[in-house]
Each structure stands twice: as structure tokens, then as C-alpha cells.
Amino acid sequence: MKINICGILFSEKKVIFFGLTKIYGIGKNLSKKICNELKIDKKKKFFELKNFEISLLNNYIKKLFIENELRLIEKENIKKIILINNYRSYRHKKKLPCRGQRTKTNAKTRKKMIHEKI
């Protein structure tokens, strides 16, 4: 059986600390912070959680920007950058790495996306 937290299904055998990182927008640091603030043992598994602990997790995570909300915010930020018309926006438009990465030998996946669309 799976446990539902904020519309995301988690395996009962999964450790809470690593299971929460399955949610887009929650990494290891935030997962650790959530466990510490709610006083839930990080090494516990999802099937060991009691109902009130699950509701605590649900309420806490609903306050955060996660999943689709976070993706929308990121898209809006990229659109703002593109409107500025500077070097970084040019790299975004061309679907190239825009943070100074090497492109002669690396960035194959980013470049691959360009050639597939053309």
C-alpha cells in the first residue's frame, strides 16, 4: 500500500528523509529541516508514521512552493530574463547553457534538445 502526502504517493518501505526528496522542490536539506521542525525521526519509514504525523507533514508541506507552483514560478523567472535581452537571455533563447559552462565537449544533453526541435 502507498501513503498519500500532498497528492504524491510514497512507498511504505521508504525512509522519510529520502522519501520527501521525491517531491519536486524538496531536497535533502529541506527534508532534514521538515523532520527536525515536526520532531519526526528521519530514519523512520512511512508505514511507522501515525495519522497525526501524516497530517502534520501534509499541513507543513502545503505551505511550501512545490511541484506545479514551483515549476510555474521558474518559467516566469526565465521569461523575465528573456525579456531583458542580454547575454544570458540570448543563451536561454538558443537553448544553450547560460551559466558559463563549457560547451565544446560538455552540455551534450542541452545541445541535443536543439537539434531535435530543428
C-alpha atoms as a PDB file:
ATOM      1  CA  MET A   1       0.000   0.000   0.000  1.00  0.00           C
ATOM      2  CA  LYS A   2       1.114   3.565  -0.624  1.00  0.00           C
ATOM      3  CA  ILE A   3       0.829   6.612   1.600  1.00  0.00           C
ATOM      4  CA  ASN A   4      -0.502   9.861   0.104  1.00  0.00           C
ATOM      5  CA  ILE A   5       1.073  13.145   1.210  1.00  0.00           C
ATOM      6  CA  CYS A   6       0.071  16.292  -0.716  1.00  0.00           C
ATOM      7  CA  GLY A   7      -1.146  14.229  -3.668  1.00  0.00           C
ATOM      8  CA  ILE A   8       2.105  12.288  -4.030  1.00  0.00           C
ATOM      9  CA  LEU A   9       2.236   8.562  -3.333  1.00  0.00           C
ATOM     10  CA  PHE A  10       5.088   7.207  -1.226  1.00  0.00           C
ATOM     11  CA  SER A  11       6.096   3.593  -0.759  1.00  0.00           C
ATOM     12  CA  GLU A  12       5.597   2.401   2.827  1.00  0.00           C
ATOM     13  CA  LYS A  13       9.101   0.901   2.945  1.00  0.00           C
ATOM     14  CA  LYS A  14      10.799   4.205   2.082  1.00  0.00           C
ATOM     15  CA  VAL A  15      12.671   6.148   4.772  1.00  0.00           C
ATOM     16  CA  ILE A  16      11.020   9.531   5.417  1.00  0.00           C
ATOM     17  CA  PHE A  17      14.223  11.557   4.969  1.00  0.00           C
ATOM     18  CA  PHE A  18      14.784  10.246   1.427  1.00  0.00           C
ATOM     19  CA  GLY A  19      11.111   9.814   0.567  1.00  0.00           C
ATOM     20  CA  LEU A  20      10.339  13.518   0.958  1.00  0.00           C
ATOM     21  CA  THR A  21      13.016  14.325  -1.634  1.00  0.00           C
ATOM     22  CA  LYS A  22      10.738  12.673  -4.218  1.00  0.00           C
ATOM     23  CA  ILE A  23       8.635  15.848  -4.093  1.00  0.00           C
ATOM     24  CA  TYR A  24       9.812  18.432  -6.645  1.00  0.00           C
ATOM     25  CA  GLY A  25      11.185  21.367  -4.668  1.00  0.00           C
ATOM     26  CA  ILE A  26      12.226  19.418  -1.566  1.00  0.00           C
ATOM     27  CA  GLY A  27      15.855  18.378  -1.336  1.00  0.00           C
ATOM     28  CA  LYS A  28      17.871  16.766   1.422  1.00  0.00           C
ATOM     29  CA  ASN A  29      18.357  19.973   3.413  1.00  0.00           C
ATOM     30  CA  LEU A  30      14.678  20.908   3.376  1.00  0.00           C
ATOM     31  CA  SER A  31      13.703  17.319   4.159  1.00  0.00           C
ATOM     32  CA  LYS A  32      16.018  17.394   7.180  1.00  0.00           C
ATOM     33  CA  LYS A  33      14.553  20.744   8.280  1.00  0.00           C
ATOM     34  CA  ILE A  34      10.979  19.411   7.977  1.00  0.00           C
ATOM     35  CA  CYS A  35      11.796  16.324  10.054  1.00  0.00           C
ATOM     36  CA  ASN A  36      13.524  18.416  12.727  1.00  0.00           C
ATOM     37  CA  GLU A  37      10.736  21.002  12.994  1.00  0.00           C
ATOM     38  CA  LEU A  38       7.982  18.391  13.185  1.00  0.00           C
ATOM     39  CA  LYS A  39      10.104  16.255  15.551  1.00  0.00           C
ATOM     40  CA  ILE A  40       9.801  13.168  13.362  1.00  0.00           C
ATOM     41  CA  ASP A  41      12.703  10.723  13.338  1.00  0.00           C
ATOM     42  CA  LYS A  42      14.475  10.884   9.952  1.00  0.00           C
ATOM     43  CA  LYS A  43      15.201   7.148   9.994  1.00  0.00           C
ATOM     44  CA  LYS A  44      11.530   6.211  10.388  1.00  0.00           C
ATOM     45  CA  LYS A  45       9.765   4.581   7.479  1.00  0.00           C
ATOM     46  CA  PHE A  46       6.437   5.763   6.137  1.00  0.00           C
ATOM     47  CA  PHE A  47       4.492   2.766   7.475  1.00  0.00           C
ATOM     48  CA  GLU A  48       5.667   3.623  11.001  1.00  0.00           C
ATOM     49  CA  LEU A  49       4.062   7.085  10.845  1.00  0.00           C
ATOM     50  CA  LYS A  50       0.939   7.696  12.884  1.00  0.00           C
ATOM     51  CA  ASN A  51      -2.084   9.513  11.449  1.00  0.00           C
ATOM     52  CA  PHE A  52      -1.356  12.786  13.279  1.00  0.00           C
ATOM     53  CA  GLU A  53       2.239  12.766  11.954  1.00  0.00           C
ATOM     54  CA  ILE A  54       0.971  12.319   8.406  1.00  0.00           C
ATOM     55  CA  SER A  55      -1.435  15.235   8.868  1.00  0.00           C
ATOM     56  CA  LEU A  56       1.419  17.357  10.309  1.00  0.00           C
ATOM     57  CA  LEU A  57       3.522  16.578   7.222  1.00  0.00           C
ATOM     58  CA  ASN A  58       0.604  17.401   4.913  1.00  0.00           C
ATOM     59  CA  ASN A  59      -0.069  20.751   6.584  1.00  0.00           C
ATOM     60  CA  TYR A  60       3.620  21.752   6.635  1.00  0.00           C
ATOM     61  CA  ILE A  61       4.279  20.799   3.007  1.00  0.00           C
ATOM     62  CA  LYS A  62       1.130  22.572   1.747  1.00  0.00           C
ATOM     63  CA  LYS A  63       2.641  25.877   2.941  1.00  0.00           C
ATOM     64  CA  LEU A  64       5.701  25.398   0.684  1.00  0.00           C
ATOM     65  CA  PHE A  65       6.016  26.110  -3.027  1.00  0.00           C
ATOM     66  CA  ILE A  66       6.287  22.632  -4.523  1.00  0.00           C
ATOM     67  CA  GLU A  67       5.537  20.714  -7.722  1.00  0.00           C
ATOM     68  CA  ASN A  68       3.499  22.710 -10.293  1.00  0.00           C
ATOM     69  CA  GLU A  69       3.548  26.008  -8.380  1.00  0.00           C
ATOM     70  CA  LEU A  70       7.346  25.940  -8.285  1.00  0.00           C
ATOM     71  CA  ARG A  71       7.619  24.992 -11.957  1.00  0.00           C
ATOM     72  CA  LEU A  72       5.355  27.911 -12.909  1.00  0.00           C
ATOM     73  CA  ILE A  73       7.456  30.332 -10.850  1.00  0.00           C
ATOM     74  CA  GLU A  74      10.640  29.083 -12.557  1.00  0.00           C
ATOM     75  CA  LYS A  75       9.095  29.504 -16.027  1.00  0.00           C
ATOM     76  CA  GLU A  76       8.007  33.051 -15.166  1.00  0.00           C
ATOM     77  CA  ASN A  77      11.525  33.887 -13.967  1.00  0.00           C
ATOM     78  CA  ILE A  78      13.033  32.603 -17.213  1.00  0.00           C
ATOM     79  CA  LYS A  79      10.507  34.645 -19.231  1.00  0.00           C
ATOM     80  CA  LYS A  80      11.552  37.769 -17.284  1.00  0.00           C
ATOM     81  CA  ILE A  81      15.204  37.057 -18.053  1.00  0.00           C
ATOM     82  CA  ILE A  82      14.413  36.599 -21.761  1.00  0.00           C
ATOM     83  CA  LEU A  83      12.630  39.982 -21.866  1.00  0.00           C
ATOM     84  CA  ILE A  84      15.768  41.751 -20.596  1.00  0.00           C
ATOM     85  CA  ASN A  85      17.644  40.920 -23.842  1.00  0.00           C
ATOM     86  CA  ASN A  86      21.136  40.426 -22.515  1.00  0.00           C
ATOM     87  CA  TYR A  87      23.736  37.677 -22.999  1.00  0.00           C
ATOM     88  CA  ARG A  88      22.043  35.315 -20.572  1.00  0.00           C
ATOM     89  CA  SER A  89      18.660  35.741 -22.262  1.00  0.00           C
ATOM     90  CA  TYR A  90      20.296  35.064 -25.638  1.00  0.00           C
ATOM     91  CA  ARG A  91      21.648  31.761 -24.268  1.00  0.00           C
ATOM     92  CA  HIS A  92      18.191  30.856 -22.930  1.00  0.00           C
ATOM     93  CA  LYS A  93      16.590  31.582 -26.303  1.00  0.00           C
ATOM     94  CA  LYS A  94      19.136  29.396 -28.137  1.00  0.00           C
ATOM     95  CA  LYS A  95      18.681  26.612 -25.522  1.00  0.00           C
ATOM     96  CA  LEU A  96      22.372  26.719 -24.589  1.00  0.00           C
ATOM     97  CA  PRO A  97      23.900  26.598 -21.099  1.00  0.00           C
ATOM     98  CA  CYS A  98      23.827  30.124 -19.682  1.00  0.00           C
ATOM     99  CA  ARG A  99      25.945  29.913 -16.542  1.00  0.00           C
ATOM    100  CA  GLY A 100      29.416  29.811 -18.045  1.00  0.00           C
ATOM    101  CA  GLN A 101      29.683  26.069 -18.618  1.00  0.00           C
ATOM    102  CA  ARG A 102      31.982  24.650 -21.239  1.00  0.00           C
ATOM    103  CA  THR A 103      30.134  23.825 -24.466  1.00  0.00           C
ATOM    104  CA  LYS A 104      32.824  22.418 -26.754  1.00  0.00           C
ATOM    105  CA  THR A 105      32.812  18.960 -25.165  1.00  0.00           C
ATOM    106  CA  ASN A 106      30.145  19.117 -22.456  1.00  0.00           C
ATOM    107  CA  ALA A 107      26.483  20.177 -22.466  1.00  0.00           C
ATOM    108  CA  LYS A 108      25.547  17.396 -24.885  1.00  0.00           C
ATOM    109  CA  THR A 109      22.056  16.939 -23.467  1.00  0.00           C
ATOM    110  CA  ARG A 110      21.288  20.646 -23.663  1.00  0.00           C
ATOM    111  CA  LYS A 111      22.564  20.786 -27.268  1.00  0.00           C
ATOM    112  CA  LYS A 112      20.701  17.606 -28.188  1.00  0.00           C
ATOM    113  CA  MET A 113      17.415  19.329 -27.393  1.00  0.00           C
ATOM    114  CA  ILE A 114      18.195  21.982 -30.021  1.00  0.00           C
ATOM    115  CA  HIS A 115      18.868  19.533 -32.831  1.00  0.00           C
ATOM    116  CA  GLU A 116      15.730  17.519 -32.137  1.00  0.00           C
ATOM    117  CA  LYS A 117      13.496  20.580 -32.448  1.00  0.00           C
ATOM    118  CA  ILE A 118      15.029  21.793 -35.718  1.00  0.00           C
END
